[in-house]
Amino acid sequence: MLHHHTEVSLGFTDEKEPVGTHMCLVYTEDEERVDSLLKFLLSGLQGGERTACFSDKLTEETIREYLLKNHISYDERKAEKAITITGTSDVYFQNGVFDPDRMLNTLITYYKEAQELGFPASRLIGEMTPEIQQVPGGERLLEYESRVSILLRDHPVTTVCQYNANLFDGATILEVLKVHPKMIINGTVITNPFYIEPEAYLKGHITR
């Protein structure tokens, strides 16, 4: 039986968080997004975890240089499936549609593969782009985020969702906070006072 991590460093805070924690990072400066993303991937790799990133704004060259400074070969880790960089649109908006069920299956697959490959834990950082507001299915974003919290109970992938506060209105950001148990503020993880348990949130917001 593999030794599984129970708490992990996120790389940009001093605290350790339980594996499978669902967090949001609401940022206003792009530098904060890039910095947290690189540190999160690096600390995962340093801990032997499987890491993934959904971003349209991170080139392989940027990550290669950053990891090299920290004595890690991007190409070796990529070959070992320890790191995956995928464009946001390629993941979230396949065929121009946002489909929460497909996304949740992607997360489950990622978790199971990490286990099969022998990684002690896995983590994912994803940037949600404002296109979600125009894409068919985009109105299901908060349903998706809420269901992620349920999924992570059985498939614990440590997850950070990045939202640019300049590109989403305040009301949307408040809803985003309601569906993430933890939030990252100025490099510190705090228990989110706005969080609503997913079962209650879904009951109140989702009409079928």
N, C-alpha and C. Protein backbone atom coordinates (compact mmCIF):
# COMPACT_ATOMS: atom_id res chain seq x y z
N MET A 1 0.85 -1.19 0.00
CA MET A 1 0.00 0.00 0.00
C MET A 1 0.89 1.25 0.00
N LEU A 2 0.57 2.16 -0.91
CA LEU A 2 1.35 3.39 -0.97
C LEU A 2 1.09 4.24 0.26
N HIS A 3 2.14 4.96 0.65
CA HIS A 3 1.91 5.92 1.73
C HIS A 3 1.25 7.15 1.10
N HIS A 4 0.05 7.48 1.51
CA HIS A 4 -0.64 8.64 0.93
C HIS A 4 -0.50 9.85 1.84
N HIS A 5 -0.17 10.97 1.20
CA HIS A 5 -0.08 12.21 1.96
C HIS A 5 -1.44 12.53 2.56
N THR A 6 -1.46 13.09 3.75
CA THR A 6 -2.74 13.56 4.29
C THR A 6 -2.78 15.08 4.27
N GLU A 7 -1.62 15.71 4.47
CA GLU A 7 -1.57 17.16 4.36
C GLU A 7 -0.42 17.54 3.44
N VAL A 8 -0.62 18.59 2.66
CA VAL A 8 0.40 18.98 1.69
C VAL A 8 0.65 20.48 1.74
N SER A 9 1.87 20.84 1.37
CA SER A 9 2.22 22.25 1.23
C SER A 9 1.69 22.75 -0.11
N LEU A 10 1.18 23.97 -0.14
CA LEU A 10 0.68 24.53 -1.40
C LEU A 10 1.78 25.28 -2.14
N GLY A 11 2.87 25.58 -1.42
CA GLY A 11 3.98 26.27 -2.08
C GLY A 11 3.98 27.77 -1.90
N PHE A 12 2.80 28.38 -1.73
CA PHE A 12 2.78 29.83 -1.59
C PHE A 12 2.25 30.28 -0.24
N THR A 13 2.01 29.33 0.66
CA THR A 13 1.65 29.71 2.03
C THR A 13 2.47 28.82 2.96
N ASP A 14 2.58 29.21 4.21
CA ASP A 14 3.33 28.41 5.18
C ASP A 14 2.51 27.22 5.66
N GLU A 15 1.17 27.36 5.58
CA GLU A 15 0.33 26.30 6.12
C GLU A 15 0.32 25.07 5.22
N LYS A 16 0.00 23.94 5.84
CA LYS A 16 -0.28 22.75 5.04
C LYS A 16 -1.79 22.58 5.03
N GLU A 17 -2.30 22.02 3.95
CA GLU A 17 -3.74 21.81 3.84
C GLU A 17 -4.01 20.33 3.59
N PRO A 18 -5.15 19.83 4.02
CA PRO A 18 -5.48 18.43 3.74
C PRO A 18 -5.54 18.18 2.24
N VAL A 19 -5.06 17.02 1.82
CA VAL A 19 -5.19 16.63 0.42
C VAL A 19 -6.68 16.65 0.05
N GLY A 20 -6.97 17.17 -1.13
CA GLY A 20 -8.37 17.21 -1.56
C GLY A 20 -9.08 18.49 -1.16
N THR A 21 -8.34 19.46 -0.61
CA THR A 21 -8.96 20.75 -0.26
C THR A 21 -9.34 21.50 -1.55
N HIS A 22 -10.52 22.10 -1.56
CA HIS A 22 -11.02 22.86 -2.71
C HIS A 22 -10.94 24.34 -2.36
N MET A 23 -10.08 25.06 -3.06
CA MET A 23 -9.81 26.46 -2.71
C MET A 23 -10.03 27.38 -3.90
N CYS A 24 -10.36 28.64 -3.63
CA CYS A 24 -10.37 29.60 -4.73
C CYS A 24 -9.38 30.71 -4.43
N LEU A 25 -8.76 31.17 -5.49
CA LEU A 25 -7.86 32.31 -5.41
C LEU A 25 -8.47 33.39 -6.28
N VAL A 26 -8.97 34.44 -5.64
CA VAL A 26 -9.51 35.58 -6.38
C VAL A 26 -8.41 36.62 -6.43
N TYR A 27 -7.98 36.98 -7.63
CA TYR A 27 -6.83 37.87 -7.75
C TYR A 27 -7.19 39.09 -8.61
N THR A 28 -6.41 40.15 -8.47
CA THR A 28 -6.61 41.33 -9.31
C THR A 28 -5.38 41.59 -10.18
N GLU A 29 -4.22 41.13 -9.72
CA GLU A 29 -2.98 41.33 -10.50
C GLU A 29 -2.57 40.01 -11.13
N ASP A 30 -2.24 40.04 -12.42
CA ASP A 30 -1.88 38.81 -13.11
C ASP A 30 -0.63 38.17 -12.51
N GLU A 31 0.24 39.01 -11.99
CA GLU A 31 1.48 38.51 -11.37
C GLU A 31 1.15 37.52 -10.24
N GLU A 32 0.09 37.82 -9.49
CA GLU A 32 -0.29 36.94 -8.37
C GLU A 32 -0.75 35.59 -8.90
N ARG A 33 -1.50 35.62 -10.04
CA ARG A 33 -1.97 34.36 -10.64
C ARG A 33 -0.78 33.49 -11.05
N VAL A 34 0.17 34.09 -11.76
CA VAL A 34 1.32 33.33 -12.27
C VAL A 34 2.18 32.82 -11.12
N ASP A 35 2.43 33.69 -10.16
CA ASP A 35 3.29 33.35 -9.03
C ASP A 35 2.71 32.17 -8.25
N SER A 36 1.42 32.24 -7.93
CA SER A 36 0.81 31.17 -7.14
C SER A 36 0.77 29.86 -7.93
N LEU A 37 0.50 30.00 -9.24
CA LEU A 37 0.42 28.83 -10.10
C LEU A 37 1.78 28.09 -10.15
N LEU A 38 2.84 28.84 -10.38
CA LEU A 38 4.17 28.21 -10.47
C LEU A 38 4.59 27.59 -9.14
N LYS A 39 4.34 28.30 -8.05
CA LYS A 39 4.73 27.77 -6.73
C LYS A 39 3.93 26.53 -6.37
N PHE A 40 2.66 26.52 -6.75
CA PHE A 40 1.78 25.38 -6.46
C PHE A 40 2.26 24.15 -7.24
N LEU A 41 2.59 24.33 -8.51
CA LEU A 41 3.10 23.20 -9.32
C LEU A 41 4.44 22.72 -8.79
N LEU A 42 5.33 23.66 -8.47
CA LEU A 42 6.66 23.29 -7.97
C LEU A 42 6.55 22.50 -6.67
N SER A 43 5.74 22.98 -5.73
CA SER A 43 5.70 22.29 -4.43
C SER A 43 5.08 20.90 -4.58
N GLY A 44 4.15 20.75 -5.54
CA GLY A 44 3.60 19.43 -5.82
C GLY A 44 4.66 18.49 -6.35
N LEU A 45 5.45 18.97 -7.30
CA LEU A 45 6.51 18.14 -7.88
C LEU A 45 7.56 17.80 -6.82
N GLN A 46 7.89 18.78 -5.98
CA GLN A 46 8.87 18.52 -4.92
C GLN A 46 8.37 17.47 -3.94
N GLY A 47 7.05 17.38 -3.78
CA GLY A 47 6.47 16.39 -2.88
C GLY A 47 6.16 15.07 -3.58
N GLY A 48 6.57 14.96 -4.84
CA GLY A 48 6.35 13.72 -5.58
C GLY A 48 4.92 13.54 -6.07
N GLU A 49 4.13 14.63 -6.05
CA GLU A 49 2.73 14.53 -6.46
C GLU A 49 2.56 14.60 -7.97
N ARG A 50 1.40 14.19 -8.41
CA ARG A 50 1.03 14.43 -9.80
C ARG A 50 0.40 15.82 -9.87
N THR A 51 0.82 16.63 -10.82
CA THR A 51 0.36 18.02 -10.88
C THR A 51 -0.23 18.32 -12.25
N ALA A 52 -1.23 19.21 -12.26
CA ALA A 52 -1.82 19.63 -13.53
C ALA A 52 -2.24 21.08 -13.44
N CYS A 53 -2.28 21.71 -14.60
CA CYS A 53 -2.63 23.11 -14.66
C CYS A 53 -3.48 23.35 -15.90
N PHE A 54 -4.60 24.05 -15.71
CA PHE A 54 -5.42 24.49 -16.85
C PHE A 54 -5.20 25.99 -16.98
N SER A 55 -4.49 26.40 -18.02
CA SER A 55 -4.25 27.83 -18.20
C SER A 55 -4.00 28.12 -19.66
N ASP A 56 -4.56 29.22 -20.14
CA ASP A 56 -4.27 29.66 -21.50
C ASP A 56 -3.06 30.58 -21.52
N LYS A 57 -2.57 30.92 -20.33
CA LYS A 57 -1.54 31.96 -20.27
C LYS A 57 -0.22 31.46 -19.70
N LEU A 58 0.01 30.17 -19.76
CA LEU A 58 1.27 29.64 -19.24
C LEU A 58 1.94 28.84 -20.35
N THR A 59 3.09 29.30 -20.80
CA THR A 59 3.78 28.55 -21.85
C THR A 59 4.66 27.48 -21.19
N GLU A 60 4.93 26.44 -21.96
CA GLU A 60 5.82 25.38 -21.46
C GLU A 60 7.19 25.97 -21.16
N GLU A 61 7.57 26.97 -21.94
CA GLU A 61 8.89 27.58 -21.76
C GLU A 61 9.00 28.26 -20.38
N THR A 62 7.94 28.95 -19.99
CA THR A 62 7.93 29.62 -18.68
C THR A 62 8.09 28.60 -17.56
N ILE A 63 7.32 27.53 -17.64
CA ILE A 63 7.37 26.52 -16.57
C ILE A 63 8.71 25.77 -16.62
N ARG A 64 9.22 25.53 -17.82
CA ARG A 64 10.50 24.83 -17.95
C ARG A 64 11.61 25.63 -17.25
N GLU A 65 11.65 26.94 -17.53
CA GLU A 65 12.69 27.80 -16.94
C GLU A 65 12.54 27.86 -15.42
N TYR A 66 11.29 28.01 -14.97
CA TYR A 66 11.04 28.13 -13.53
C TYR A 66 11.46 26.86 -12.79
N LEU A 67 11.11 25.71 -13.35
CA LEU A 67 11.45 24.45 -12.69
C LEU A 67 12.96 24.21 -12.71
N LEU A 68 13.59 24.61 -13.82
CA LEU A 68 15.03 24.42 -13.95
C LEU A 68 15.78 25.17 -12.85
N LYS A 69 15.30 26.39 -12.55
CA LYS A 69 15.91 27.17 -11.46
C LYS A 69 15.79 26.42 -10.14
N ASN A 70 14.80 25.57 -10.04
CA ASN A 70 14.58 24.79 -8.82
C ASN A 70 15.03 23.33 -8.98
N HIS A 71 15.92 23.11 -9.97
CA HIS A 71 16.57 21.81 -10.18
C HIS A 71 15.59 20.69 -10.51
N ILE A 72 14.56 21.03 -11.27
CA ILE A 72 13.62 20.00 -11.73
C ILE A 72 13.53 20.09 -13.26
N SER A 73 13.60 18.93 -13.91
CA SER A 73 13.48 18.91 -15.37
C SER A 73 12.02 18.76 -15.77
N TYR A 74 11.50 19.80 -16.43
CA TYR A 74 10.11 19.77 -16.88
C TYR A 74 9.88 18.58 -17.82
N ASP A 75 10.80 18.38 -18.75
CA ASP A 75 10.59 17.33 -19.76
C ASP A 75 10.58 15.93 -19.14
N GLU A 76 11.45 15.72 -18.15
CA GLU A 76 11.44 14.42 -17.47
C GLU A 76 10.12 14.21 -16.73
N ARG A 77 9.69 15.24 -16.00
CA ARG A 77 8.45 15.11 -15.23
C ARG A 77 7.24 14.96 -16.15
N LYS A 78 7.30 15.63 -17.29
CA LYS A 78 6.20 15.51 -18.25
C LYS A 78 6.14 14.07 -18.78
N ALA A 79 7.30 13.51 -19.08
CA ALA A 79 7.36 12.14 -19.58
C ALA A 79 6.84 11.14 -18.55
N GLU A 80 7.03 11.45 -17.27
CA GLU A 80 6.55 10.58 -16.19
C GLU A 80 5.07 10.84 -15.85
N LYS A 81 4.46 11.78 -16.60
CA LYS A 81 3.05 12.19 -16.37
C LYS A 81 2.88 12.84 -15.00
N ALA A 82 3.97 13.41 -14.48
CA ALA A 82 3.90 14.10 -13.19
C ALA A 82 3.42 15.53 -13.36
N ILE A 83 3.47 16.04 -14.60
CA ILE A 83 2.96 17.40 -14.83
C ILE A 83 2.26 17.47 -16.19
N THR A 84 1.12 18.12 -16.19
CA THR A 84 0.36 18.31 -17.42
C THR A 84 -0.09 19.76 -17.47
N ILE A 85 0.18 20.42 -18.60
CA ILE A 85 -0.30 21.79 -18.81
C ILE A 85 -1.29 21.73 -19.96
N THR A 86 -2.51 22.17 -19.72
CA THR A 86 -3.55 22.14 -20.76
C THR A 86 -4.19 23.52 -20.86
N GLY A 87 -4.51 23.92 -22.07
CA GLY A 87 -5.19 25.21 -22.25
C GLY A 87 -6.57 25.18 -21.59
N THR A 88 -6.94 26.29 -20.97
CA THR A 88 -8.23 26.37 -20.28
C THR A 88 -9.39 26.00 -21.20
N SER A 89 -9.38 26.62 -22.39
CA SER A 89 -10.50 26.40 -23.32
C SER A 89 -10.57 24.94 -23.76
N ASP A 90 -9.39 24.32 -23.94
CA ASP A 90 -9.35 22.91 -24.38
C ASP A 90 -10.01 22.00 -23.35
N VAL A 91 -9.90 22.38 -22.07
CA VAL A 91 -10.46 21.54 -21.01
C VAL A 91 -11.91 21.90 -20.74
N TYR A 92 -12.14 23.18 -20.45
CA TYR A 92 -13.46 23.59 -19.98
C TYR A 92 -14.51 23.70 -21.10
N PHE A 93 -14.06 24.08 -22.30
CA PHE A 93 -15.03 24.38 -23.35
C PHE A 93 -14.89 23.47 -24.57
N GLN A 94 -14.78 22.19 -24.33
CA GLN A 94 -14.68 21.25 -25.46
C GLN A 94 -15.91 21.39 -26.33
N ASN A 95 -15.69 21.46 -27.65
CA ASN A 95 -16.78 21.66 -28.62
C ASN A 95 -17.58 22.93 -28.34
N GLY A 96 -16.95 23.91 -27.69
CA GLY A 96 -17.60 25.18 -27.44
C GLY A 96 -18.69 25.14 -26.39
N VAL A 97 -18.68 24.10 -25.55
CA VAL A 97 -19.73 23.93 -24.54
C VAL A 97 -19.08 23.67 -23.18
N PHE A 98 -19.69 24.19 -22.12
CA PHE A 98 -19.23 23.85 -20.76
C PHE A 98 -20.16 22.78 -20.22
N ASP A 99 -19.58 21.61 -19.97
CA ASP A 99 -20.38 20.47 -19.51
C ASP A 99 -19.84 19.98 -18.16
N PRO A 100 -20.52 20.32 -17.06
CA PRO A 100 -20.03 19.94 -15.73
C PRO A 100 -19.81 18.44 -15.58
N ASP A 101 -20.70 17.62 -16.16
CA ASP A 101 -20.55 16.16 -16.00
C ASP A 101 -19.26 15.67 -16.64
N ARG A 102 -18.95 16.20 -17.82
CA ARG A 102 -17.72 15.80 -18.49
C ARG A 102 -16.50 16.26 -17.68
N MET A 103 -16.59 17.48 -17.14
CA MET A 103 -15.48 18.01 -16.34
C MET A 103 -15.25 17.18 -15.08
N LEU A 104 -16.33 16.79 -14.43
CA LEU A 104 -16.20 15.99 -13.20
C LEU A 104 -15.59 14.63 -13.52
N ASN A 105 -15.97 14.07 -14.67
CA ASN A 105 -15.37 12.79 -15.09
C ASN A 105 -13.89 12.96 -15.39
N THR A 106 -13.51 14.11 -15.94
CA THR A 106 -12.09 14.40 -16.20
C THR A 106 -11.31 14.38 -14.89
N LEU A 107 -11.89 14.98 -13.85
CA LEU A 107 -11.23 15.01 -12.53
C LEU A 107 -11.08 13.61 -11.94
N ILE A 108 -12.14 12.82 -12.06
CA ILE A 108 -12.10 11.45 -11.53
C ILE A 108 -11.02 10.64 -12.25
N THR A 109 -10.97 10.78 -13.57
CA THR A 109 -9.98 10.06 -14.38
C THR A 109 -8.56 10.47 -13.97
N TYR A 110 -8.38 11.77 -13.80
CA TYR A 110 -7.07 12.30 -13.41
C TYR A 110 -6.63 11.71 -12.06
N TYR A 111 -7.55 11.67 -11.12
CA TYR A 111 -7.26 11.13 -9.79
C TYR A 111 -6.92 9.64 -9.86
N LYS A 112 -7.74 8.89 -10.59
CA LYS A 112 -7.52 7.43 -10.67
C LYS A 112 -6.21 7.10 -11.38
N GLU A 113 -5.91 7.84 -12.43
CA GLU A 113 -4.64 7.62 -13.14
C GLU A 113 -3.46 7.90 -12.23
N ALA A 114 -3.57 8.97 -11.45
CA ALA A 114 -2.47 9.32 -10.52
C ALA A 114 -2.23 8.17 -9.56
N GLN A 115 -3.32 7.57 -9.07
CA GLN A 115 -3.19 6.44 -8.16
C GLN A 115 -2.54 5.24 -8.86
N GLU A 116 -3.03 4.96 -10.07
CA GLU A 116 -2.49 3.81 -10.81
C GLU A 116 -1.02 4.00 -11.13
N LEU A 117 -0.62 5.26 -11.37
CA LEU A 117 0.79 5.54 -11.69
C LEU A 117 1.66 5.56 -10.44
N GLY A 118 1.03 5.47 -9.26
CA GLY A 118 1.80 5.38 -8.01
C GLY A 118 2.11 6.69 -7.32
N PHE A 119 1.45 7.78 -7.75
CA PHE A 119 1.68 9.06 -7.07
C PHE A 119 1.00 9.05 -5.70
N PRO A 120 1.65 9.61 -4.66
CA PRO A 120 1.04 9.61 -3.33
C PRO A 120 -0.13 10.58 -3.21
N ALA A 121 -0.18 11.56 -4.10
CA ALA A 121 -1.27 12.54 -4.07
C ALA A 121 -1.28 13.27 -5.42
N SER A 122 -2.34 14.01 -5.67
CA SER A 122 -2.39 14.78 -6.91
C SER A 122 -3.00 16.15 -6.64
N ARG A 123 -2.65 17.09 -7.51
CA ARG A 123 -3.14 18.46 -7.36
C ARG A 123 -3.39 19.09 -8.72
N LEU A 124 -4.24 20.11 -8.69
CA LEU A 124 -4.66 20.74 -9.93
C LEU A 124 -4.91 22.22 -9.67
N ILE A 125 -4.43 23.07 -10.57
CA ILE A 125 -4.74 24.49 -10.47
C ILE A 125 -5.32 24.92 -11.80
N GLY A 126 -6.46 25.58 -11.76
CA GLY A 126 -7.14 25.94 -13.01
C GLY A 126 -7.61 27.37 -12.97
N GLU A 127 -7.49 28.01 -14.13
CA GLU A 127 -7.88 29.42 -14.21
C GLU A 127 -9.22 29.45 -14.94
N MET A 128 -10.23 30.03 -14.30
CA MET A 128 -11.53 30.13 -14.96
C MET A 128 -11.57 31.45 -15.73
N THR A 129 -11.83 31.36 -17.02
CA THR A 129 -11.80 32.56 -17.85
C THR A 129 -13.21 33.12 -18.02
N PRO A 130 -13.30 34.42 -18.29
CA PRO A 130 -14.62 35.06 -18.39
C PRO A 130 -15.48 34.54 -19.54
N GLU A 131 -14.85 33.83 -20.50
CA GLU A 131 -15.64 33.24 -21.60
C GLU A 131 -16.77 32.36 -21.08
N ILE A 132 -16.58 31.82 -19.86
CA ILE A 132 -17.59 30.94 -19.27
C ILE A 132 -18.96 31.63 -19.28
N GLN A 133 -18.94 32.96 -19.23
CA GLN A 133 -20.20 33.70 -19.15
C GLN A 133 -20.95 33.74 -20.48
N GLN A 134 -20.23 33.41 -21.58
CA GLN A 134 -20.86 33.42 -22.90
C GLN A 134 -21.10 32.02 -23.48
N VAL A 135 -20.43 31.03 -22.92
CA VAL A 135 -20.46 29.67 -23.49
C VAL A 135 -21.74 28.94 -23.10
N PRO A 136 -22.34 28.17 -24.03
CA PRO A 136 -23.49 27.34 -23.64
C PRO A 136 -23.09 26.42 -22.49
N GLY A 137 -23.94 26.36 -21.46
CA GLY A 137 -23.61 25.55 -20.28
C GLY A 137 -22.91 26.37 -19.21
N GLY A 138 -22.46 27.56 -19.56
CA GLY A 138 -21.71 28.40 -18.62
C GLY A 138 -22.50 28.78 -17.39
N GLU A 139 -23.83 28.78 -17.55
CA GLU A 139 -24.67 29.12 -16.39
C GLU A 139 -24.61 28.02 -15.32
N ARG A 140 -24.00 26.89 -15.66
CA ARG A 140 -23.87 25.78 -14.71
C ARG A 140 -22.53 25.80 -13.97
N LEU A 141 -21.79 26.88 -14.11
CA LEU A 141 -20.47 26.98 -13.47
C LEU A 141 -20.55 26.72 -11.96
N LEU A 142 -21.48 27.37 -11.27
CA LEU A 142 -21.53 27.26 -9.81
C LEU A 142 -22.02 25.89 -9.37
N GLU A 143 -22.89 25.31 -10.17
CA GLU A 143 -23.29 23.91 -9.93
C GLU A 143 -22.05 23.02 -10.01
N TYR A 144 -21.25 23.24 -11.05
CA TYR A 144 -20.02 22.45 -11.24
C TYR A 144 -19.08 22.61 -10.04
N GLU A 145 -18.80 23.86 -9.65
CA GLU A 145 -17.87 24.11 -8.54
C GLU A 145 -18.37 23.45 -7.25
N SER A 146 -19.68 23.52 -7.04
CA SER A 146 -20.26 22.94 -5.84
C SER A 146 -20.12 21.42 -5.87
N ARG A 147 -20.34 20.83 -7.04
CA ARG A 147 -20.23 19.38 -7.17
C ARG A 147 -18.77 18.92 -7.06
N VAL A 148 -17.82 19.79 -7.42
CA VAL A 148 -16.40 19.45 -7.24
C VAL A 148 -16.12 19.17 -5.76
N SER A 149 -16.70 20.00 -4.87
CA SER A 149 -16.47 19.80 -3.43
C SER A 149 -16.96 18.41 -2.98
N ILE A 150 -18.05 17.94 -3.57
CA ILE A 150 -18.56 16.60 -3.24
C ILE A 150 -17.63 15.53 -3.79
N LEU A 151 -17.22 15.71 -5.04
CA LEU A 151 -16.37 14.73 -5.72
C LEU A 151 -15.04 14.54 -4.98
N LEU A 152 -14.48 15.63 -4.46
CA LEU A 152 -13.16 15.57 -3.82
C LEU A 152 -13.17 14.77 -2.52
N ARG A 153 -14.36 14.54 -1.95
CA ARG A 153 -14.42 13.73 -0.73
C ARG A 153 -13.93 12.31 -1.02
N ASP A 154 -14.29 11.77 -2.17
CA ASP A 154 -13.89 10.40 -2.53
C ASP A 154 -12.69 10.36 -3.47
N HIS A 155 -12.42 11.48 -4.14
CA HIS A 155 -11.30 11.55 -5.09
C HIS A 155 -10.47 12.78 -4.74
N PRO A 156 -9.72 12.71 -3.64
CA PRO A 156 -9.07 13.92 -3.13
C PRO A 156 -7.92 14.46 -3.98
N VAL A 157 -8.26 15.36 -4.86
CA VAL A 157 -7.25 16.11 -5.62
C VAL A 157 -7.23 17.51 -5.00
N THR A 158 -6.06 17.97 -4.58
CA THR A 158 -5.97 19.32 -4.00
C THR A 158 -6.15 20.33 -5.14
N THR A 159 -7.18 21.16 -5.03
CA THR A 159 -7.62 21.96 -6.18
C THR A 159 -7.67 23.45 -5.85
N VAL A 160 -7.05 24.24 -6.72
CA VAL A 160 -7.14 25.70 -6.61
C VAL A 160 -7.78 26.23 -7.90
N CYS A 161 -8.86 27.01 -7.74
CA CYS A 161 -9.54 27.63 -8.88
C CYS A 161 -9.24 29.13 -8.85
N GLN A 162 -8.68 29.63 -9.94
CA GLN A 162 -8.29 31.03 -9.99
C GLN A 162 -9.34 31.86 -10.75
N TYR A 163 -9.72 32.97 -10.14
CA TYR A 163 -10.70 33.88 -10.75
C TYR A 163 -10.15 35.30 -10.73
N ASN A 164 -10.18 35.95 -11.87
CA ASN A 164 -9.73 37.34 -11.96
C ASN A 164 -10.88 38.26 -11.60
N ALA A 165 -10.72 38.98 -10.48
CA ALA A 165 -11.80 39.85 -9.98
C ALA A 165 -12.09 41.02 -10.92
N ASN A 166 -11.15 41.30 -11.83
CA ASN A 166 -11.38 42.40 -12.78
C ASN A 166 -12.29 41.96 -13.93
N LEU A 167 -12.43 40.66 -14.13
CA LEU A 167 -13.15 40.17 -15.31
C LEU A 167 -14.51 39.55 -14.99
N PHE A 168 -14.80 39.37 -13.70
CA PHE A 168 -16.10 38.85 -13.27
C PHE A 168 -16.74 39.91 -12.38
N ASP A 169 -18.06 40.05 -12.44
CA ASP A 169 -18.68 41.06 -11.58
C ASP A 169 -18.72 40.57 -10.13
N GLY A 170 -18.95 41.52 -9.23
CA GLY A 170 -18.91 41.24 -7.79
C GLY A 170 -19.89 40.16 -7.38
N ALA A 171 -21.07 40.17 -7.99
CA ALA A 171 -22.11 39.19 -7.63
C ALA A 171 -21.64 37.78 -7.97
N THR A 172 -20.98 37.63 -9.13
CA THR A 172 -20.47 36.32 -9.54
C THR A 172 -19.37 35.86 -8.60
N ILE A 173 -18.46 36.78 -8.26
CA ILE A 173 -17.36 36.43 -7.35
C ILE A 173 -17.92 35.98 -6.00
N LEU A 174 -18.97 36.64 -5.52
CA LEU A 174 -19.57 36.24 -4.25
C LEU A 174 -20.12 34.82 -4.34
N GLU A 175 -20.77 34.50 -5.47
CA GLU A 175 -21.28 33.13 -5.67
C GLU A 175 -20.13 32.13 -5.72
N VAL A 176 -19.04 32.52 -6.37
CA VAL A 176 -17.85 31.66 -6.46
C VAL A 176 -17.33 31.34 -5.05
N LEU A 177 -17.34 32.35 -4.18
CA LEU A 177 -16.88 32.14 -2.81
C LEU A 177 -17.77 31.14 -2.09
N LYS A 178 -19.07 31.19 -2.37
CA LYS A 178 -20.01 30.30 -1.67
C LYS A 178 -19.76 28.82 -1.95
N VAL A 179 -19.07 28.52 -3.05
CA VAL A 179 -18.89 27.12 -3.43
C VAL A 179 -17.46 26.60 -3.22
N HIS A 180 -16.63 27.37 -2.53
CA HIS A 180 -15.27 26.92 -2.20
C HIS A 180 -15.09 26.98 -0.68
N PRO A 181 -14.81 25.84 -0.03
CA PRO A 181 -14.67 25.85 1.43
C PRO A 181 -13.51 26.71 1.94
N LYS A 182 -12.47 26.84 1.12
CA LYS A 182 -11.31 27.65 1.54
C LYS A 182 -11.02 28.70 0.49
N MET A 183 -10.50 29.84 0.93
CA MET A 183 -10.07 30.86 -0.02
C MET A 183 -8.65 31.29 0.31
N ILE A 184 -7.94 31.76 -0.71
CA ILE A 184 -6.55 32.18 -0.53
C ILE A 184 -6.50 33.69 -0.65
N ILE A 185 -6.09 34.35 0.42
CA ILE A 185 -6.01 35.81 0.44
C ILE A 185 -4.59 36.19 0.82
N ASN A 186 -3.96 36.97 -0.04
CA ASN A 186 -2.58 37.43 0.25
C ASN A 186 -1.67 36.29 0.69
N GLY A 187 -1.77 35.17 -0.01
CA GLY A 187 -0.86 34.06 0.29
C GLY A 187 -1.20 33.29 1.55
N THR A 188 -2.39 33.52 2.11
CA THR A 188 -2.81 32.77 3.30
C THR A 188 -4.11 32.05 2.99
N VAL A 189 -4.22 30.80 3.43
CA VAL A 189 -5.46 30.05 3.23
C VAL A 189 -6.37 30.30 4.41
N ILE A 190 -7.59 30.73 4.12
CA ILE A 190 -8.53 30.93 5.23
C ILE A 190 -9.80 30.12 4.98
N THR A 191 -10.43 29.73 6.07
CA THR A 191 -11.72 29.06 5.96
C THR A 191 -12.71 30.11 5.49
N ASN A 192 -13.42 29.79 4.44
CA ASN A 192 -14.25 30.78 3.77
C ASN A 192 -15.56 31.01 4.52
N PRO A 193 -15.78 32.22 5.05
CA PRO A 193 -16.99 32.49 5.82
C PRO A 193 -18.27 32.46 4.97
N PHE A 194 -18.12 32.56 3.64
CA PHE A 194 -19.29 32.60 2.75
C PHE A 194 -19.72 31.20 2.29
N TYR A 195 -18.88 30.19 2.62
CA TYR A 195 -19.10 28.84 2.07
C TYR A 195 -20.43 28.24 2.50
N ILE A 196 -21.09 27.62 1.52
CA ILE A 196 -22.34 26.90 1.79
C ILE A 196 -22.11 25.44 1.38
N GLU A 197 -22.43 24.51 2.28
CA GLU A 197 -22.23 23.09 1.97
C GLU A 197 -22.91 22.75 0.63
N PRO A 198 -22.24 21.96 -0.20
CA PRO A 198 -22.75 21.74 -1.56
C PRO A 198 -24.17 21.22 -1.62
N GLU A 199 -24.52 20.30 -0.72
CA GLU A 199 -25.89 19.76 -0.77
C GLU A 199 -26.92 20.88 -0.60
N ALA A 200 -26.64 21.79 0.34
CA ALA A 200 -27.56 22.91 0.59
C ALA A 200 -27.52 23.91 -0.57
N TYR A 201 -26.33 24.17 -1.07
CA TYR A 201 -26.19 25.14 -2.17
C TYR A 201 -26.94 24.63 -3.41
N LEU A 202 -26.73 23.38 -3.74
CA LEU A 202 -27.34 22.82 -4.95
C LEU A 202 -28.87 22.79 -4.81
N LYS A 203 -29.31 22.46 -3.64
CA LYS A 203 -30.76 22.41 -3.40
C LYS A 203 -31.39 23.79 -3.62
N GLY A 204 -30.68 24.83 -3.16
CA GLY A 204 -31.24 26.17 -3.27
C GLY A 204 -31.09 26.80 -4.64
N HIS A 205 -30.11 26.32 -5.42
CA HIS A 205 -29.80 27.03 -6.67
C HIS A 205 -30.09 26.28 -7.95
N ILE A 206 -30.17 24.96 -7.86
CA ILE A 206 -30.30 24.21 -9.10
C ILE A 206 -31.73 23.75 -9.29
N THR A 207 -32.28 24.19 -10.39
CA THR A 207 -33.65 23.73 -10.70
C THR A 207 -33.53 22.85 -11.93
N ARG A 208 -34.08 21.71 -11.85
CA ARG A 208 -33.96 20.76 -12.97
C ARG A 208 -35.23 20.83 -13.81
